[in-house]
Amino acid sequence: TCRMEKSTPRCVPVAPTCQDLTCPPGSTCEMDGATPRCVPKAPSCQDLTCPPGSTCEMDGTTPRCVPKVAPSCQDLTCPPGSTCRMDGSTPRCVPVKLTCQDLTCP
């Protein structure tokens, strides 16, 4: 880059930063003193897809899939015209029973 030294313009080297470095997937840029370096990223729950019925929790610095305590209606999306009800310890979609409150008469 150009800098004025006293009254004379001079080209001086620019110190590299993480903006100048493209790191491969699974790594991130960190400054090592004045030098940008690619370092491996610590895995997190964002890097892990857990199967249904389990959720990701950090075990120290390691993400792990662990079984959900108990499924609830919060874990189930029911289609229109039905709602979630607990059947013992299992959430189930059941049809909504219509009443006069659901009907607008002319």
C-alpha atoms as a PDB file:
ATOM      1  CA  THR A   1       0.000   0.000   0.000  1.00  0.00           C
ATOM      2  CA  CYS A   2       1.111   3.591  -0.425  1.00  0.00           C
ATOM      3  CA  ARG A   3       2.143   5.604   2.634  1.00  0.00           C
ATOM      4  CA  MET A   4       3.507   9.080   2.908  1.00  0.00           C
ATOM      5  CA  GLU A   5       6.913   9.110   4.576  1.00  0.00           C
ATOM      6  CA  LYS A   6       7.647  12.747   5.360  1.00  0.00           C
ATOM      7  CA  SER A   7       6.689  14.295   2.028  1.00  0.00           C
ATOM      8  CA  THR A   8       7.442  11.297  -0.212  1.00  0.00           C
ATOM      9  CA  PRO A   9       4.922   8.603  -1.178  1.00  0.00           C
ATOM     10  CA  ARG A  10       6.306   5.076  -0.720  1.00  0.00           C
ATOM     11  CA  CYS A  11       4.975   1.563  -1.305  1.00  0.00           C
ATOM     12  CA  VAL A  12       5.158  -0.460   1.897  1.00  0.00           C
ATOM     13  CA  PRO A  13       4.151  -4.108   2.459  1.00  0.00           C
ATOM     14  CA  VAL A  14       0.752  -4.732   4.044  1.00  0.00           C
ATOM     15  CA  ALA A  15       0.676  -7.091   7.038  1.00  0.00           C
ATOM     16  CA  PRO A  16      -1.565 -10.065   6.146  1.00  0.00           C
ATOM     17  CA  THR A  17      -4.723 -10.698   8.179  1.00  0.00           C
ATOM     18  CA  CYS A  18      -7.354 -13.447   8.319  1.00  0.00           C
ATOM     19  CA  GLN A  19      -9.237 -11.535   5.597  1.00  0.00           C
ATOM     20  CA  ASP A  20      -6.383 -12.428   3.238  1.00  0.00           C
ATOM     21  CA  LEU A  21      -6.476 -16.170   4.020  1.00  0.00           C
ATOM     22  CA  THR A  22      -9.060 -18.726   2.866  1.00  0.00           C
ATOM     23  CA  CYS A  23      -9.079 -21.741   5.163  1.00  0.00           C
ATOM     24  CA  PRO A  24     -10.292 -25.220   4.114  1.00  0.00           C
ATOM     25  CA  PRO A  25     -13.565 -26.610   5.526  1.00  0.00           C
ATOM     26  CA  GLY A  26     -13.247 -27.737   9.125  1.00  0.00           C
ATOM     27  CA  SER A  27     -10.732 -25.036   9.951  1.00  0.00           C
ATOM     28  CA  THR A  28     -10.806 -21.363  10.804  1.00  0.00           C
ATOM     29  CA  CYS A  29      -8.295 -18.542  10.656  1.00  0.00           C
ATOM     30  CA  GLU A  30      -6.617 -17.282  13.815  1.00  0.00           C
ATOM     31  CA  MET A  31      -3.854 -14.739  14.173  1.00  0.00           C
ATOM     32  CA  ASP A  32      -0.600 -16.274  15.447  1.00  0.00           C
ATOM     33  CA  GLY A  33       1.116 -13.094  16.536  1.00  0.00           C
ATOM     34  CA  ALA A  34       1.160 -11.083  13.311  1.00  0.00           C
ATOM     35  CA  THR A  35       0.650 -14.107  11.031  1.00  0.00           C
ATOM     36  CA  PRO A  36      -2.759 -15.523  10.016  1.00  0.00           C
ATOM     37  CA  ARG A  37      -2.956 -19.329  10.287  1.00  0.00           C
ATOM     38  CA  CYS A  38      -5.622 -21.957   9.554  1.00  0.00           C
ATOM     39  CA  VAL A  39      -6.352 -24.037  12.635  1.00  0.00           C
ATOM     40  CA  PRO A  40      -8.801 -26.954  13.023  1.00  0.00           C
ATOM     41  CA  LYS A  41     -12.224 -25.902  14.290  1.00  0.00           C
ATOM     42  CA  ALA A  42     -13.424 -27.447  17.516  1.00  0.00           C
ATOM     43  CA  PRO A  43     -16.515 -29.527  16.648  1.00  0.00           C
ATOM     44  CA  SER A  44     -19.849 -28.359  18.046  1.00  0.00           C
ATOM     45  CA  CYS A  45     -23.482 -29.477  17.981  1.00  0.00           C
ATOM     46  CA  GLN A  46     -23.873 -27.435  14.780  1.00  0.00           C
ATOM     47  CA  ASP A  47     -21.596 -29.987  13.066  1.00  0.00           C
ATOM     48  CA  LEU A  48     -23.600 -33.035  14.216  1.00  0.00           C
ATOM     49  CA  THR A  49     -26.980 -34.271  12.957  1.00  0.00           C
ATOM     50  CA  CYS A  50     -28.637 -36.532  15.510  1.00  0.00           C
ATOM     51  CA  PRO A  51     -31.215 -39.219  14.637  1.00  0.00           C
ATOM     52  CA  PRO A  52     -34.870 -38.750  15.659  1.00  0.00           C
ATOM     53  CA  GLY A  53     -35.439 -39.332  19.363  1.00  0.00           C
ATOM     54  CA  SER A  54     -32.032 -37.947  20.291  1.00  0.00           C
ATOM     55  CA  THR A  55     -30.480 -34.529  20.730  1.00  0.00           C
ATOM     56  CA  CYS A  56     -26.950 -33.167  20.689  1.00  0.00           C
ATOM     57  CA  GLU A  57     -25.203 -32.269  23.930  1.00  0.00           C
ATOM     58  CA  MET A  58     -21.625 -31.202  24.490  1.00  0.00           C
ATOM     59  CA  ASP A  59     -19.571 -33.741  26.467  1.00  0.00           C
ATOM     60  CA  GLY A  60     -16.704 -31.477  27.477  1.00  0.00           C
ATOM     61  CA  THR A  61     -15.430 -30.345  24.064  1.00  0.00           C
ATOM     62  CA  THR A  62     -17.049 -33.207  22.089  1.00  0.00           C
ATOM     63  CA  PRO A  63     -20.591 -33.088  20.644  1.00  0.00           C
ATOM     64  CA  ARG A  64     -22.582 -36.300  21.252  1.00  0.00           C
ATOM     65  CA  CYS A  65     -26.072 -37.540  20.362  1.00  0.00           C
ATOM     66  CA  VAL A  66     -27.951 -38.562  23.496  1.00  0.00           C
ATOM     67  CA  PRO A  67     -31.479 -39.991  23.783  1.00  0.00           C
ATOM     68  CA  LYS A  68     -34.141 -37.418  24.558  1.00  0.00           C
ATOM     69  CA  VAL A  69     -35.523 -37.802  28.042  1.00  0.00           C
ATOM     70  CA  ALA A  70     -39.088 -38.424  26.922  1.00  0.00           C
ATOM     71  CA  PRO A  71     -40.793 -37.293  23.737  1.00  0.00           C
ATOM     72  CA  SER A  72     -43.552 -34.733  24.182  1.00  0.00           C
ATOM     73  CA  CYS A  73     -46.023 -32.864  22.002  1.00  0.00           C
ATOM     74  CA  GLN A  74     -43.287 -30.261  21.444  1.00  0.00           C
ATOM     75  CA  ASP A  75     -41.448 -32.902  19.382  1.00  0.00           C
ATOM     76  CA  LEU A  76     -44.429 -33.686  17.113  1.00  0.00           C
ATOM     77  CA  THR A  77     -45.926 -31.558  14.325  1.00  0.00           C
ATOM     78  CA  CYS A  78     -49.498 -32.594  13.610  1.00  0.00           C
ATOM     79  CA  PRO A  79     -51.286 -32.020  10.285  1.00  0.00           C
ATOM     80  CA  PRO A  80     -54.162 -29.512  10.040  1.00  0.00           C
ATOM     81  CA  GLY A  81     -57.374 -30.781  11.599  1.00  0.00           C
ATOM     82  CA  SER A  82     -55.512 -32.671  14.303  1.00  0.00           C
ATOM     83  CA  THR A  83     -53.780 -31.874  17.554  1.00  0.00           C
ATOM     84  CA  CYS A  84     -51.221 -33.594  19.732  1.00  0.00           C
ATOM     85  CA  ARG A  85     -52.290 -35.511  22.829  1.00  0.00           C
ATOM     86  CA  MET A  86     -50.136 -37.620  25.114  1.00  0.00           C
ATOM     87  CA  ASP A  87     -51.035 -41.334  24.993  1.00  0.00           C
ATOM     88  CA  GLY A  88     -49.289 -42.464  28.166  1.00  0.00           C
ATOM     89  CA  SER A  89     -45.708 -41.358  27.481  1.00  0.00           C
ATOM     90  CA  THR A  90     -46.110 -41.177  23.681  1.00  0.00           C
ATOM     91  CA  PRO A  91     -47.260 -38.060  21.811  1.00  0.00           C
ATOM     92  CA  ARG A  92     -49.905 -38.803  19.161  1.00  0.00           C
ATOM     93  CA  CYS A  93     -51.809 -36.733  16.602  1.00  0.00           C
ATOM     94  CA  VAL A  94     -55.567 -37.050  17.103  1.00  0.00           C
ATOM     95  CA  PRO A  95     -58.383 -35.486  15.056  1.00  0.00           C
ATOM     96  CA  VAL A  96     -59.824 -32.277  16.435  1.00  0.00           C
ATOM     97  CA  LYS A  97     -63.507 -32.661  17.316  1.00  0.00           C
ATOM     98  CA  LEU A  98     -65.401 -29.768  15.781  1.00  0.00           C
ATOM     99  CA  THR A  99     -67.956 -27.836  17.866  1.00  0.00           C
ATOM    100  CA  CYS A 100     -70.377 -24.996  17.117  1.00  0.00           C
ATOM    101  CA  GLN A 101     -67.526 -22.613  17.986  1.00  0.00           C
ATOM    102  CA  ASP A 102     -65.760 -23.843  14.823  1.00  0.00           C
ATOM    103  CA  LEU A 103     -68.709 -23.110  12.511  1.00  0.00           C
ATOM    104  CA  THR A 104     -69.975 -19.715  11.348  1.00  0.00           C
ATOM    105  CA  CYS A 105     -73.664 -19.853  10.527  1.00  0.00           C
ATOM    106  CA  PRO A 106     -75.306 -17.447   8.056  1.00  0.00           C
END
